[in-house]
Amino acid sequence: MLKKIAFSIVLMIILAGCSEDGGEKVKLQLGHALSEGTPASDLINEMAENIAEKTDGRVEIDVFPNSQLGSETEMLEQVKMGTMESAAIMIGSMQSLDMRMAIEDLPYMWKDIDHARAAYDGKFGDYLADVMDEQGMKKIGYVEWGFRHITNNKKPIVTPEDMNGLKIRVAQSKLRIDAFEELNAMPTAMAFSEVYGALQTGALDAQENPLANIVAPKFDEVQDYLSLTGHFYNTIMMVVENDTWDKISEDDQKVILDESARISKEVQVKNDEAEKGYVEELKSRGMTVNEDVDSDAFREKMLPVYDKWEKDVFGEELMDIYREASGW
């Protein structure tokens, strides 16, 4: 009799942790470095709310924005170790686990935004997802972060020569450092959470980010000039640790993937709608905005990193997939 009671208790505990369709109830911490109030950050929050509702609470996602759980590199390591279940990380930052992910940091790598978006929906995006799967992470979707532009306190940036000696913050990416060194700038890798203070004290002259991430953290308060260089195009990969993903039922996995695909497209629409508004807002806050950038000269000056990184890191297979999608 006691054995039967004990068995019943164990069975109840097991069933309490499972959903009606066979998957476990799962709670995920999702960390990212995006500023609150940006389209990407807002829609990730919306995704989490919808997933909880559509799975009747079987999948709950607690979102921690603005590097609350650490830098992108630190959060990625937590996911790999299994101490954090999920994250939305800029692809270039994933090079801390596999250097091939640095490919996103090739300067001026897409002919236009349509080619960039199509690449992540195609073979290029699939290749990067497979790389992260090797690291124990399931790609659940991509979220556009956008083209990056330069702000600084010295002068408008028009030609590569204007970058000479400029102390500029870059994300923790060796390729970005190499690319800016081709311009004779002085790049410094730094976590995003530290950038405002470094600009305020004069430890840095400049930084580079998408417009949404220039407006939201109010870099206009510590920077005088914005130059629309568009030198890098960034995408965020949302990942779930593989063991955690396997605990989720197939039906609930589909909900997650569908919601991720939805916000991926909505972020692109919102980014398109917001671009001009961001520029006008920064002008109204007192920034001098320069749209007259010699992008061809910048691209030509920075091209040497392509051959170097293909030979040393990326390899011909990945670069051929990229070139096929690039539009150049």
C-alpha atoms as a PDB file:
ATOM      1  CA  MET A   1       0.000   0.000   0.000  1.00  0.00           C
ATOM      2  CA  LEU A   2       2.789   2.431   0.919  1.00  0.00           C
ATOM      3  CA  LYS A   3       4.562   1.624  -2.344  1.00  0.00           C
ATOM      4  CA  LYS A   4       1.376   2.462  -4.286  1.00  0.00           C
ATOM      5  CA  ILE A   5       1.020   5.797  -2.472  1.00  0.00           C
ATOM      6  CA  ALA A   6       4.663   6.677  -3.087  1.00  0.00           C
ATOM      7  CA  PHE A   7       4.310   5.799  -6.765  1.00  0.00           C
ATOM      8  CA  SER A   8       1.209   7.985  -7.054  1.00  0.00           C
ATOM      9  CA  ILE A   9       2.998  10.939  -5.495  1.00  0.00           C
ATOM     10  CA  VAL A  10       5.948  10.591  -7.861  1.00  0.00           C
ATOM     11  CA  LEU A  11       3.578  10.329 -10.816  1.00  0.00           C
ATOM     12  CA  MET A  12       1.744  13.501  -9.745  1.00  0.00           C
ATOM     13  CA  ILE A  13       5.037  15.402  -9.493  1.00  0.00           C
ATOM     14  CA  ILE A  14       6.054  14.290 -12.971  1.00  0.00           C
ATOM     15  CA  LEU A  15       2.688  15.217 -14.469  1.00  0.00           C
ATOM     16  CA  ALA A  16       2.714  18.602 -12.737  1.00  0.00           C
ATOM     17  CA  GLY A  17       5.809  19.508 -14.711  1.00  0.00           C
ATOM     18  CA  CYS A  18       4.295  18.532 -18.048  1.00  0.00           C
ATOM     19  CA  SER A  19       1.860  20.231 -20.374  1.00  0.00           C
ATOM     20  CA  GLU A  20      -1.295  18.548 -21.606  1.00  0.00           C
ATOM     21  CA  ASP A  21       0.323  17.811 -24.997  1.00  0.00           C
ATOM     22  CA  GLY A  22       3.385  16.064 -23.541  1.00  0.00           C
ATOM     23  CA  GLY A  23       5.931  18.863 -23.203  1.00  0.00           C
ATOM     24  CA  GLU A  24       7.255  20.252 -19.960  1.00  0.00           C
ATOM     25  CA  LYS A  25       6.309  23.612 -18.581  1.00  0.00           C
ATOM     26  CA  VAL A  26       9.354  25.725 -19.260  1.00  0.00           C
ATOM     27  CA  LYS A  27      10.445  29.108 -17.940  1.00  0.00           C
ATOM     28  CA  LEU A  28      13.157  30.917 -19.883  1.00  0.00           C
ATOM     29  CA  GLN A  29      15.306  33.885 -19.061  1.00  0.00           C
ATOM     30  CA  LEU A  30      15.995  35.803 -22.280  1.00  0.00           C
ATOM     31  CA  GLY A  31      18.747  38.404 -22.063  1.00  0.00           C
ATOM     32  CA  HIS A  32      19.781  40.988 -24.636  1.00  0.00           C
ATOM     33  CA  ALA A  33      21.735  44.221 -24.929  1.00  0.00           C
ATOM     34  CA  LEU A  34      19.122  46.217 -26.846  1.00  0.00           C
ATOM     35  CA  SER A  35      17.931  49.532 -25.477  1.00  0.00           C
ATOM     36  CA  GLU A  36      14.375  49.637 -24.216  1.00  0.00           C
ATOM     37  CA  GLY A  37      12.066  51.626 -26.453  1.00  0.00           C
ATOM     38  CA  THR A  38      13.590  50.391 -29.717  1.00  0.00           C
ATOM     39  CA  PRO A  39      11.381  48.419 -32.147  1.00  0.00           C
ATOM     40  CA  ALA A  40      13.436  45.239 -31.655  1.00  0.00           C
ATOM     41  CA  SER A  41      13.273  45.407 -27.850  1.00  0.00           C
ATOM     42  CA  ASP A  42       9.561  46.238 -27.795  1.00  0.00           C
ATOM     43  CA  LEU A  43       8.656  43.406 -30.155  1.00  0.00           C
ATOM     44  CA  ILE A  44      10.715  40.843 -28.245  1.00  0.00           C
ATOM     45  CA  ASN A  45       8.623  41.780 -25.191  1.00  0.00           C
ATOM     46  CA  GLU A  46       5.466  41.382 -27.246  1.00  0.00           C
ATOM     47  CA  MET A  47       6.652  38.008 -28.518  1.00  0.00           C
ATOM     48  CA  ALA A  48       7.213  36.777 -24.969  1.00  0.00           C
ATOM     49  CA  GLU A  49       3.728  37.865 -23.895  1.00  0.00           C
ATOM     50  CA  ASN A  50       2.081  36.216 -26.900  1.00  0.00           C
ATOM     51  CA  ILE A  51       3.975  32.955 -26.416  1.00  0.00           C
ATOM     52  CA  ALA A  52       2.829  32.726 -22.794  1.00  0.00           C
ATOM     53  CA  GLU A  53      -0.757  33.390 -23.843  1.00  0.00           C
ATOM     54  CA  LYS A  54      -0.805  31.026 -26.831  1.00  0.00           C
ATOM     55  CA  THR A  55       0.807  28.175 -24.883  1.00  0.00           C
ATOM     56  CA  ASP A  56      -1.551  28.693 -21.914  1.00  0.00           C
ATOM     57  CA  GLY A  57       1.452  29.434 -19.736  1.00  0.00           C
ATOM     58  CA  ARG A  58       3.404  26.309 -20.642  1.00  0.00           C
ATOM     59  CA  VAL A  59       6.230  28.504 -21.971  1.00  0.00           C
ATOM     60  CA  GLU A  60       7.069  31.633 -20.003  1.00  0.00           C
ATOM     61  CA  ILE A  61       9.833  33.981 -21.131  1.00  0.00           C
ATOM     62  CA  ASP A  62      11.245  36.609 -18.770  1.00  0.00           C
ATOM     63  CA  VAL A  63      13.004  39.271 -20.836  1.00  0.00           C
ATOM     64  CA  PHE A  64      15.994  41.164 -19.453  1.00  0.00           C
ATOM     65  CA  PRO A  65      16.966  44.079 -21.746  1.00  0.00           C
ATOM     66  CA  ASN A  66      19.846  46.534 -21.795  1.00  0.00           C
ATOM     67  CA  SER A  67      22.608  44.108 -20.714  1.00  0.00           C
ATOM     68  CA  GLN A  68      21.020  43.521 -17.296  1.00  0.00           C
ATOM     69  CA  LEU A  69      22.421  39.972 -17.299  1.00  0.00           C
ATOM     70  CA  GLY A  70      25.846  40.935 -18.613  1.00  0.00           C
ATOM     71  CA  SER A  71      27.522  41.849 -21.871  1.00  0.00           C
ATOM     72  CA  GLU A  72      26.549  39.980 -25.029  1.00  0.00           C
ATOM     73  CA  THR A  73      29.650  37.800 -24.714  1.00  0.00           C
ATOM     74  CA  GLU A  74      28.849  37.026 -21.079  1.00  0.00           C
ATOM     75  CA  MET A  75      25.202  36.210 -21.821  1.00  0.00           C
ATOM     76  CA  LEU A  76      26.212  33.938 -24.673  1.00  0.00           C
ATOM     77  CA  GLU A  77      28.559  32.046 -22.372  1.00  0.00           C
ATOM     78  CA  GLN A  78      25.751  31.672 -19.827  1.00  0.00           C
ATOM     79  CA  VAL A  79      23.511  30.106 -22.463  1.00  0.00           C
ATOM     80  CA  LYS A  80      26.280  27.732 -23.514  1.00  0.00           C
ATOM     81  CA  MET A  81      26.825  26.702 -19.884  1.00  0.00           C
ATOM     82  CA  GLY A  82      23.086  26.233 -19.372  1.00  0.00           C
ATOM     83  CA  THR A  83      22.773  28.869 -16.629  1.00  0.00           C
ATOM     84  CA  MET A  84      20.582  31.014 -18.901  1.00  0.00           C
ATOM     85  CA  GLU A  85      18.051  29.481 -21.252  1.00  0.00           C
ATOM     86  CA  SER A  86      17.750  32.013 -24.024  1.00  0.00           C
ATOM     87  CA  ALA A  87      19.258  35.176 -25.471  1.00  0.00           C
ATOM     88  CA  ALA A  88      19.032  37.619 -28.366  1.00  0.00           C
ATOM     89  CA  ILE A  89      22.610  38.339 -29.376  1.00  0.00           C
ATOM     90  CA  MET A  90      24.147  40.356 -32.203  1.00  0.00           C
ATOM     91  CA  ILE A  91      25.602  37.841 -34.623  1.00  0.00           C
ATOM     92  CA  GLY A  92      29.029  39.453 -34.698  1.00  0.00           C
ATOM     93  CA  SER A  93      29.291  39.053 -30.916  1.00  0.00           C
ATOM     94  CA  MET A  94      28.847  35.298 -31.322  1.00  0.00           C
ATOM     95  CA  GLN A  95      32.413  35.077 -32.590  1.00  0.00           C
ATOM     96  CA  SER A  96      33.399  34.478 -28.964  1.00  0.00           C
ATOM     97  CA  LEU A  97      32.144  30.921 -29.543  1.00  0.00           C
ATOM     98  CA  ASP A  98      32.982  30.492 -33.235  1.00  0.00           C
ATOM     99  CA  MET A  99      35.011  33.030 -35.196  1.00  0.00           C
ATOM    100  CA  ARG A 100      32.990  32.393 -38.363  1.00  0.00           C
ATOM    101  CA  MET A 101      30.175  34.410 -36.799  1.00  0.00           C
ATOM    102  CA  ALA A 102      32.339  37.513 -37.166  1.00  0.00           C
ATOM    103  CA  ILE A 103      31.382  37.561 -40.844  1.00  0.00           C
ATOM    104  CA  GLU A 104      28.540  39.936 -40.008  1.00  0.00           C
ATOM    105  CA  ASP A 105      31.168  42.565 -39.267  1.00  0.00           C
ATOM    106  CA  LEU A 106      32.509  42.783 -42.804  1.00  0.00           C
ATOM    107  CA  PRO A 107      32.128  46.462 -43.769  1.00  0.00           C
ATOM    108  CA  TYR A 108      29.694  47.387 -46.543  1.00  0.00           C
ATOM    109  CA  MET A 109      28.960  43.702 -47.172  1.00  0.00           C
ATOM    110  CA  TRP A 110      25.478  44.124 -48.698  1.00  0.00           C
ATOM    111  CA  LYS A 111      24.649  46.125 -51.806  1.00  0.00           C
ATOM    112  CA  ASP A 112      21.384  47.241 -50.198  1.00  0.00           C
ATOM    113  CA  ILE A 113      19.029  46.365 -47.377  1.00  0.00           C
ATOM    114  CA  ASP A 114      16.893  44.066 -49.539  1.00  0.00           C
ATOM    115  CA  HIS A 115      19.875  41.815 -50.241  1.00  0.00           C
ATOM    116  CA  ALA A 116      20.772  41.820 -46.542  1.00  0.00           C
ATOM    117  CA  ARG A 117      17.300  40.757 -45.468  1.00  0.00           C
ATOM    118  CA  ALA A 118      17.027  38.079 -48.138  1.00  0.00           C
ATOM    119  CA  ALA A 119      20.405  36.638 -47.127  1.00  0.00           C
ATOM    120  CA  TYR A 120      19.249  35.929 -43.579  1.00  0.00           C
ATOM    121  CA  ASP A 121      16.091  34.276 -44.921  1.00  0.00           C
ATOM    122  CA  GLY A 122      18.211  32.047 -47.174  1.00  0.00           C
ATOM    123  CA  LYS A 123      21.372  29.935 -47.232  1.00  0.00           C
ATOM    124  CA  PHE A 124      23.465  32.544 -45.437  1.00  0.00           C
ATOM    125  CA  GLY A 125      21.135  32.621 -42.440  1.00  0.00           C
ATOM    126  CA  ASP A 126      20.865  28.816 -42.440  1.00  0.00           C
ATOM    127  CA  TYR A 127      24.661  28.466 -42.365  1.00  0.00           C
ATOM    128  CA  LEU A 128      24.999  30.748 -39.341  1.00  0.00           C
ATOM    129  CA  ALA A 129      22.185  28.910 -37.551  1.00  0.00           C
ATOM    130  CA  ASP A 130      24.008  25.607 -38.112  1.00  0.00           C
ATOM    131  CA  VAL A 131      27.196  27.078 -36.630  1.00  0.00           C
ATOM    132  CA  MET A 132      25.358  27.999 -33.436  1.00  0.00           C
ATOM    133  CA  ASP A 133      23.627  24.622 -33.324  1.00  0.00           C
ATOM    134  CA  GLU A 134      27.123  23.142 -33.067  1.00  0.00           C
ATOM    135  CA  GLN A 135      27.492  25.305 -29.939  1.00  0.00           C
ATOM    136  CA  GLY A 136      24.350  23.858 -28.378  1.00  0.00           C
ATOM    137  CA  MET A 137      21.888  26.597 -29.338  1.00  0.00           C
ATOM    138  CA  LYS A 138      18.728  26.484 -31.421  1.00  0.00           C
ATOM    139  CA  LYS A 139      18.152  29.512 -33.620  1.00  0.00           C
ATOM    140  CA  ILE A 140      14.516  30.510 -33.230  1.00  0.00           C
ATOM    141  CA  GLY A 141      14.708  33.653 -35.353  1.00  0.00           C
ATOM    142  CA  TYR A 142      16.515  36.726 -36.580  1.00  0.00           C
ATOM    143  CA  VAL A 143      15.693  40.304 -35.598  1.00  0.00           C
ATOM    144  CA  GLU A 144      17.052  43.190 -37.639  1.00  0.00           C
ATOM    145  CA  TRP A 145      19.172  45.726 -35.757  1.00  0.00           C
ATOM    146  CA  GLY A 146      20.057  47.741 -38.840  1.00  0.00           C
ATOM    147  CA  PHE A 147      22.814  49.769 -40.447  1.00  0.00           C
ATOM    148  CA  ARG A 148      25.313  51.355 -38.106  1.00  0.00           C
ATOM    149  CA  HIS A 149      26.337  55.003 -38.259  1.00  0.00           C
ATOM    150  CA  ILE A 150      29.039  57.065 -36.570  1.00  0.00           C
ATOM    151  CA  THR A 151      28.574  59.800 -33.966  1.00  0.00           C
ATOM    152  CA  ASN A 152      31.458  61.880 -32.639  1.00  0.00           C
ATOM    153  CA  ASN A 153      32.471  65.146 -31.003  1.00  0.00           C
ATOM    154  CA  LYS A 154      35.049  66.314 -33.550  1.00  0.00           C
ATOM    155  CA  LYS A 155      33.502  66.958 -36.980  1.00  0.00           C
ATOM    156  CA  PRO A 156      31.240  65.483 -39.665  1.00  0.00           C
ATOM    157  CA  ILE A 157      32.633  62.258 -41.150  1.00  0.00           C
ATOM    158  CA  VAL A 158      32.640  62.553 -44.962  1.00  0.00           C
ATOM    159  CA  THR A 159      35.719  60.669 -46.175  1.00  0.00           C
ATOM    160  CA  PRO A 160      37.899  57.899 -44.700  1.00  0.00           C
ATOM    161  CA  GLU A 161      40.513  60.519 -43.864  1.00  0.00           C
ATOM    162  CA  ASP A 162      38.110  62.064 -41.348  1.00  0.00           C
ATOM    163  CA  MET A 163      38.510  58.943 -39.199  1.00  0.00           C
ATOM    164  CA  ASN A 164      42.251  59.446 -38.720  1.00  0.00           C
ATOM    165  CA  GLY A 165      43.113  59.232 -34.994  1.00  0.00           C
ATOM    166  CA  LEU A 166      39.453  59.140 -33.877  1.00  0.00           C
ATOM    167  CA  LYS A 167      38.970  57.242 -30.619  1.00  0.00           C
ATOM    168  CA  ILE A 168      35.875  55.187 -31.413  1.00  0.00           C
ATOM    169  CA  ARG A 169      34.076  52.514 -29.416  1.00  0.00           C
ATOM    170  CA  VAL A 170      33.296  49.273 -31.196  1.00  0.00           C
ATOM    171  CA  ALA A 171      31.598  46.100 -29.990  1.00  0.00           C
ATOM    172  CA  GLN A 172      33.797  43.230 -28.818  1.00  0.00           C
ATOM    173  CA  SER A 173      34.746  42.110 -32.334  1.00  0.00           C
ATOM    174  CA  LYS A 174      38.239  41.646 -33.724  1.00  0.00           C
ATOM    175  CA  LEU A 175      37.018  42.187 -37.285  1.00  0.00           C
ATOM    176  CA  ARG A 176      35.479  45.544 -36.413  1.00  0.00           C
ATOM    177  CA  ILE A 177      38.757  46.588 -34.862  1.00  0.00           C
ATOM    178  CA  ASP A 178      40.595  45.512 -38.017  1.00  0.00           C
ATOM    179  CA  ALA A 179      38.112  47.358 -40.230  1.00  0.00           C
ATOM    180  CA  PHE A 180      38.456  50.649 -38.351  1.00  0.00           C
ATOM    181  CA  GLU A 181      42.206  50.324 -38.188  1.00  0.00           C
ATOM    182  CA  GLU A 182      42.148  50.308 -42.001  1.00  0.00           C
ATOM    183  CA  LEU A 183      40.762  53.857 -41.635  1.00  0.00           C
ATOM    184  CA  ASN A 184      43.586  54.826 -39.240  1.00  0.00           C
ATOM    185  CA  ALA A 185      41.049  55.261 -36.446  1.00  0.00           C
ATOM    186  CA  MET A 186      41.711  54.166 -32.858  1.00  0.00           C
ATOM    187  CA  PRO A 187      39.007  51.569 -32.104  1.00  0.00           C
ATOM    188  CA  THR A 188      38.355  50.420 -28.542  1.00  0.00           C
ATOM    189  CA  ALA A 189      36.242  47.348 -27.748  1.00  0.00           C
ATOM    190  CA  MET A 190      33.820  48.138 -24.933  1.00  0.00           C
ATOM    191  CA  ALA A 191      30.532  46.796 -23.564  1.00  0.00           C
ATOM    192  CA  PHE A 192      27.593  48.941 -24.643  1.00  0.00           C
ATOM    193  CA  SER A 193      26.584  49.709 -21.065  1.00  0.00           C
ATOM    194  CA  GLU A 194      29.869  51.594 -20.559  1.00  0.00           C
ATOM    195  CA  VAL A 195      29.755  53.734 -23.701  1.00  0.00           C
ATOM    196  CA  TYR A 196      27.715  56.750 -22.526  1.00  0.00           C
ATOM    197  CA  GLY A 197      30.028  57.383 -19.592  1.00  0.00           C
ATOM    198  CA  ALA A 198      33.160  57.048 -21.732  1.00  0.00           C
ATOM    199  CA  LEU A 199      31.797  59.574 -24.221  1.00  0.00           C
ATOM    200  CA  GLN A 200      30.754  61.906 -21.419  1.00  0.00           C
ATOM    201  CA  THR A 201      34.224  61.932 -19.850  1.00  0.00           C
ATOM    202  CA  GLY A 202      36.050  62.246 -23.169  1.00  0.00           C
ATOM    203  CA  ALA A 203      37.710  58.843 -22.900  1.00  0.00           C
ATOM    204  CA  LEU A 204      36.162  58.242 -26.325  1.00  0.00           C
ATOM    205  CA  ASP A 205      35.540  60.637 -29.210  1.00  0.00           C
ATOM    206  CA  ALA A 206      33.033  58.534 -31.081  1.00  0.00           C
ATOM    207  CA  GLN A 207      30.793  55.478 -31.215  1.00  0.00           C
ATOM    208  CA  GLU A 208      28.845  53.654 -33.917  1.00  0.00           C
ATOM    209  CA  ASN A 209      25.340  52.175 -33.704  1.00  0.00           C
ATOM    210  CA  PRO A 210      22.033  51.878 -35.577  1.00  0.00           C
ATOM    211  CA  LEU A 211      19.886  54.995 -35.330  1.00  0.00           C
ATOM    212  CA  ALA A 212      17.467  53.362 -32.880  1.00  0.00           C
ATOM    213  CA  ASN A 213      20.346  52.749 -30.515  1.00  0.00           C
ATOM    214  CA  ILE A 214      21.572  56.314 -30.848  1.00  0.00           C
ATOM    215  CA  VAL A 215      18.172  57.834 -30.067  1.00  0.00           C
ATOM    216  CA  ALA A 216      17.105  55.554 -27.185  1.00  0.00           C
ATOM    217  CA  PRO A 217      20.220  55.933 -24.978  1.00  0.00           C
ATOM    218  CA  LYS A 218      20.329  59.699 -25.769  1.00  0.00           C
ATOM    219  CA  PHE A 219      23.832  59.791 -27.195  1.00  0.00           C
ATOM    220  CA  ASP A 220      22.941  63.248 -28.509  1.00  0.00           C
ATOM    221  CA  GLU A 221      23.558  64.466 -24.950  1.00  0.00           C
ATOM    222  CA  VAL A 222      27.251  63.566 -25.241  1.00  0.00           C
ATOM    223  CA  GLN A 223      27.834  63.681 -29.033  1.00  0.00           C
ATOM    224  CA  ASP A 224      27.619  66.596 -31.450  1.00  0.00           C
ATOM    225  CA  TYR A 225      27.777  64.982 -34.916  1.00  0.00           C
ATOM    226  CA  LEU A 226      25.969  62.118 -36.616  1.00  0.00           C
ATOM    227  CA  SER A 227      27.270  60.874 -39.971  1.00  0.00           C
ATOM    228  CA  LEU A 228      25.149  58.354 -41.878  1.00  0.00           C
ATOM    229  CA  THR A 229      27.976  56.023 -42.850  1.00  0.00           C
ATOM    230  CA  GLY A 230      25.965  52.781 -42.869  1.00  0.00           C
ATOM    231  CA  HIS A 231      29.219  50.823 -42.625  1.00  0.00           C
ATOM    232  CA  PHE A 232      27.934  47.640 -40.895  1.00  0.00           C
ATOM    233  CA  TYR A 233      24.546  45.906 -41.078  1.00  0.00           C
ATOM    234  CA  ASN A 234      23.625  44.047 -37.899  1.00  0.00           C
ATOM    235  CA  THR A 235      21.157  41.301 -37.151  1.00  0.00           C
ATOM    236  CA  ILE A 236      20.259  39.742 -33.804  1.00  0.00           C
ATOM    237  CA  MET A 237      19.959  35.967 -33.531  1.00  0.00           C
ATOM    238  CA  MET A 238      17.474  34.727 -30.944  1.00  0.00           C
ATOM    239  CA  VAL A 239      18.574  31.386 -29.533  1.00  0.00           C
ATOM    240  CA  VAL A 240      17.366  28.829 -27.011  1.00  0.00           C
ATOM    241  CA  GLU A 241      19.729  26.381 -25.327  1.00  0.00           C
ATOM    242  CA  ASN A 242      19.237  23.004 -27.027  1.00  0.00           C
ATOM    243  CA  ASP A 243      18.375  20.946 -23.932  1.00  0.00           C
ATOM    244  CA  THR A 244      15.793  23.550 -22.955  1.00  0.00           C
ATOM    245  CA  TRP A 245      14.367  23.551 -26.483  1.00  0.00           C
ATOM    246  CA  ASP A 246      13.986  19.771 -26.390  1.00  0.00           C
ATOM    247  CA  LYS A 247      11.833  20.036 -23.259  1.00  0.00           C
ATOM    248  CA  ILE A 248       9.256  22.100 -25.152  1.00  0.00           C
ATOM    249  CA  SER A 249       6.484  20.221 -26.983  1.00  0.00           C
ATOM    250  CA  GLU A 250       6.375  20.353 -30.781  1.00  0.00           C
ATOM    251  CA  ASP A 251       3.145  22.370 -30.692  1.00  0.00           C
ATOM    252  CA  ASP A 252       4.662  24.943 -28.376  1.00  0.00           C
ATOM    253  CA  GLN A 253       7.877  25.023 -30.393  1.00  0.00           C
ATOM    254  CA  LYS A 254       5.761  25.946 -33.413  1.00  0.00           C
ATOM    255  CA  VAL A 255       4.164  28.795 -31.450  1.00  0.00           C
ATOM    256  CA  ILE A 256       7.626  30.134 -30.598  1.00  0.00           C
ATOM    257  CA  LEU A 257       8.884  29.874 -34.180  1.00  0.00           C
ATOM    258  CA  ASP A 258       5.727  31.474 -35.582  1.00  0.00           C
ATOM    259  CA  GLU A 259       5.914  34.380 -33.140  1.00  0.00           C
ATOM    260  CA  SER A 260       9.593  34.860 -33.868  1.00  0.00           C
ATOM    261  CA  ALA A 261       8.965  34.916 -37.622  1.00  0.00           C
ATOM    262  CA  ARG A 262       6.181  37.456 -37.128  1.00  0.00           C
ATOM    263  CA  ILE A 263       8.238  39.915 -35.127  1.00  0.00           C
ATOM    264  CA  SER A 264      11.184  39.488 -37.507  1.00  0.00           C
ATOM    265  CA  LYS A 265       9.098  40.969 -40.319  1.00  0.00           C
ATOM    266  CA  GLU A 266       7.438  43.579 -38.097  1.00  0.00           C
ATOM    267  CA  VAL A 267      10.796  44.885 -36.887  1.00  0.00           C
ATOM    268  CA  GLN A 268      11.835  45.457 -40.502  1.00  0.00           C
ATOM    269  CA  VAL A 269       8.638  47.406 -41.213  1.00  0.00           C
ATOM    270  CA  LYS A 270       9.012  49.495 -38.064  1.00  0.00           C
ATOM    271  CA  ASN A 271      12.681  50.169 -38.796  1.00  0.00           C
ATOM    272  CA  ASP A 272      11.799  51.423 -42.282  1.00  0.00           C
ATOM    273  CA  GLU A 273       9.072  53.668 -40.901  1.00  0.00           C
ATOM    274  CA  ALA A 274      11.267  55.020 -38.110  1.00  0.00           C
ATOM    275  CA  GLU A 275      14.506  55.849 -39.973  1.00  0.00           C
ATOM    276  CA  LYS A 276      13.596  59.369 -41.104  1.00  0.00           C
ATOM    277  CA  GLY A 277      11.941  60.082 -37.790  1.00  0.00           C
ATOM    278  CA  TYR A 278      15.101  59.154 -35.904  1.00  0.00           C
ATOM    279  CA  VAL A 279      17.177  61.555 -37.990  1.00  0.00           C
ATOM    280  CA  GLU A 280      14.704  64.392 -37.485  1.00  0.00           C
ATOM    281  CA  GLU A 281      14.523  63.738 -33.756  1.00  0.00           C
ATOM    282  CA  LEU A 282      18.303  63.856 -33.405  1.00  0.00           C
ATOM    283  CA  LYS A 283      18.377  67.101 -35.370  1.00  0.00           C
ATOM    284  CA  SER A 284      15.737  68.551 -33.060  1.00  0.00           C
ATOM    285  CA  ARG A 285      17.872  67.561 -30.074  1.00  0.00           C
ATOM    286  CA  GLY A 286      20.737  69.612 -31.487  1.00  0.00           C
ATOM    287  CA  MET A 287      22.882  67.095 -33.345  1.00  0.00           C
ATOM    288  CA  THR A 288      24.474  68.077 -36.657  1.00  0.00           C
ATOM    289  CA  VAL A 289      23.504  65.325 -39.108  1.00  0.00           C
ATOM    290  CA  ASN A 290      25.660  64.642 -42.139  1.00  0.00           C
ATOM    291  CA  GLU A 291      24.216  62.534 -44.969  1.00  0.00           C
ATOM    292  CA  ASP A 292      26.981  63.382 -47.452  1.00  0.00           C
ATOM    293  CA  VAL A 293      29.271  60.393 -46.843  1.00  0.00           C
ATOM    294  CA  ASP A 294      31.585  58.989 -49.514  1.00  0.00           C
ATOM    295  CA  SER A 295      30.515  55.383 -48.959  1.00  0.00           C
ATOM    296  CA  ASP A 296      32.396  54.111 -52.021  1.00  0.00           C
ATOM    297  CA  ALA A 297      35.648  55.494 -50.652  1.00  0.00           C
ATOM    298  CA  PHE A 298      34.981  53.958 -47.246  1.00  0.00           C
ATOM    299  CA  ARG A 299      34.232  50.549 -48.775  1.00  0.00           C
ATOM    300  CA  GLU A 300      37.348  50.599 -50.932  1.00  0.00           C
ATOM    301  CA  LYS A 301      39.524  51.604 -47.979  1.00  0.00           C
ATOM    302  CA  MET A 302      38.155  48.802 -45.809  1.00  0.00           C
ATOM    303  CA  LEU A 303      38.125  46.005 -48.424  1.00  0.00           C
ATOM    304  CA  PRO A 304      41.509  44.495 -47.422  1.00  0.00           C
ATOM    305  CA  VAL A 305      39.836  42.839 -44.427  1.00  0.00           C
ATOM    306  CA  TYR A 306      37.804  40.630 -46.802  1.00  0.00           C
ATOM    307  CA  ASP A 307      40.771  38.702 -48.187  1.00  0.00           C
ATOM    308  CA  LYS A 308      42.486  38.491 -44.819  1.00  0.00           C
ATOM    309  CA  TRP A 309      39.479  37.093 -42.977  1.00  0.00           C
ATOM    310  CA  GLU A 310      38.449  34.713 -45.771  1.00  0.00           C
ATOM    311  CA  LYS A 311      41.908  33.187 -45.711  1.00  0.00           C
ATOM    312  CA  ASP A 312      42.378  33.110 -41.934  1.00  0.00           C
ATOM    313  CA  VAL A 313      38.860  32.540 -40.584  1.00  0.00           C
ATOM    314  CA  PHE A 314      35.801  32.234 -42.827  1.00  0.00           C
ATOM    315  CA  GLY A 315      36.961  29.905 -45.572  1.00  0.00           C
ATOM    316  CA  GLU A 316      35.808  29.716 -49.164  1.00  0.00           C
ATOM    317  CA  GLU A 317      32.524  27.867 -48.533  1.00  0.00           C
ATOM    318  CA  LEU A 318      31.039  30.526 -46.238  1.00  0.00           C
ATOM    319  CA  MET A 319      32.365  33.393 -48.334  1.00  0.00           C
ATOM    320  CA  ASP A 320      30.890  31.884 -51.509  1.00  0.00           C
ATOM    321  CA  ILE A 321      27.481  31.656 -49.817  1.00  0.00           C
ATOM    322  CA  TYR A 322      27.882  35.288 -48.755  1.00  0.00           C
ATOM    323  CA  ARG A 323      29.019  36.498 -52.203  1.00  0.00           C
ATOM    324  CA  GLU A 324      26.077  34.792 -53.882  1.00  0.00           C
ATOM    325  CA  ALA A 325      23.699  36.731 -51.647  1.00  0.00           C
ATOM    326  CA  SER A 326      25.563  40.046 -51.395  1.00  0.00           C
ATOM    327  CA  GLY A 327      24.267  41.778 -54.522  1.00  0.00           C
ATOM    328  CA  TRP A 328      27.741  43.061 -55.417  1.00  0.00           C
END
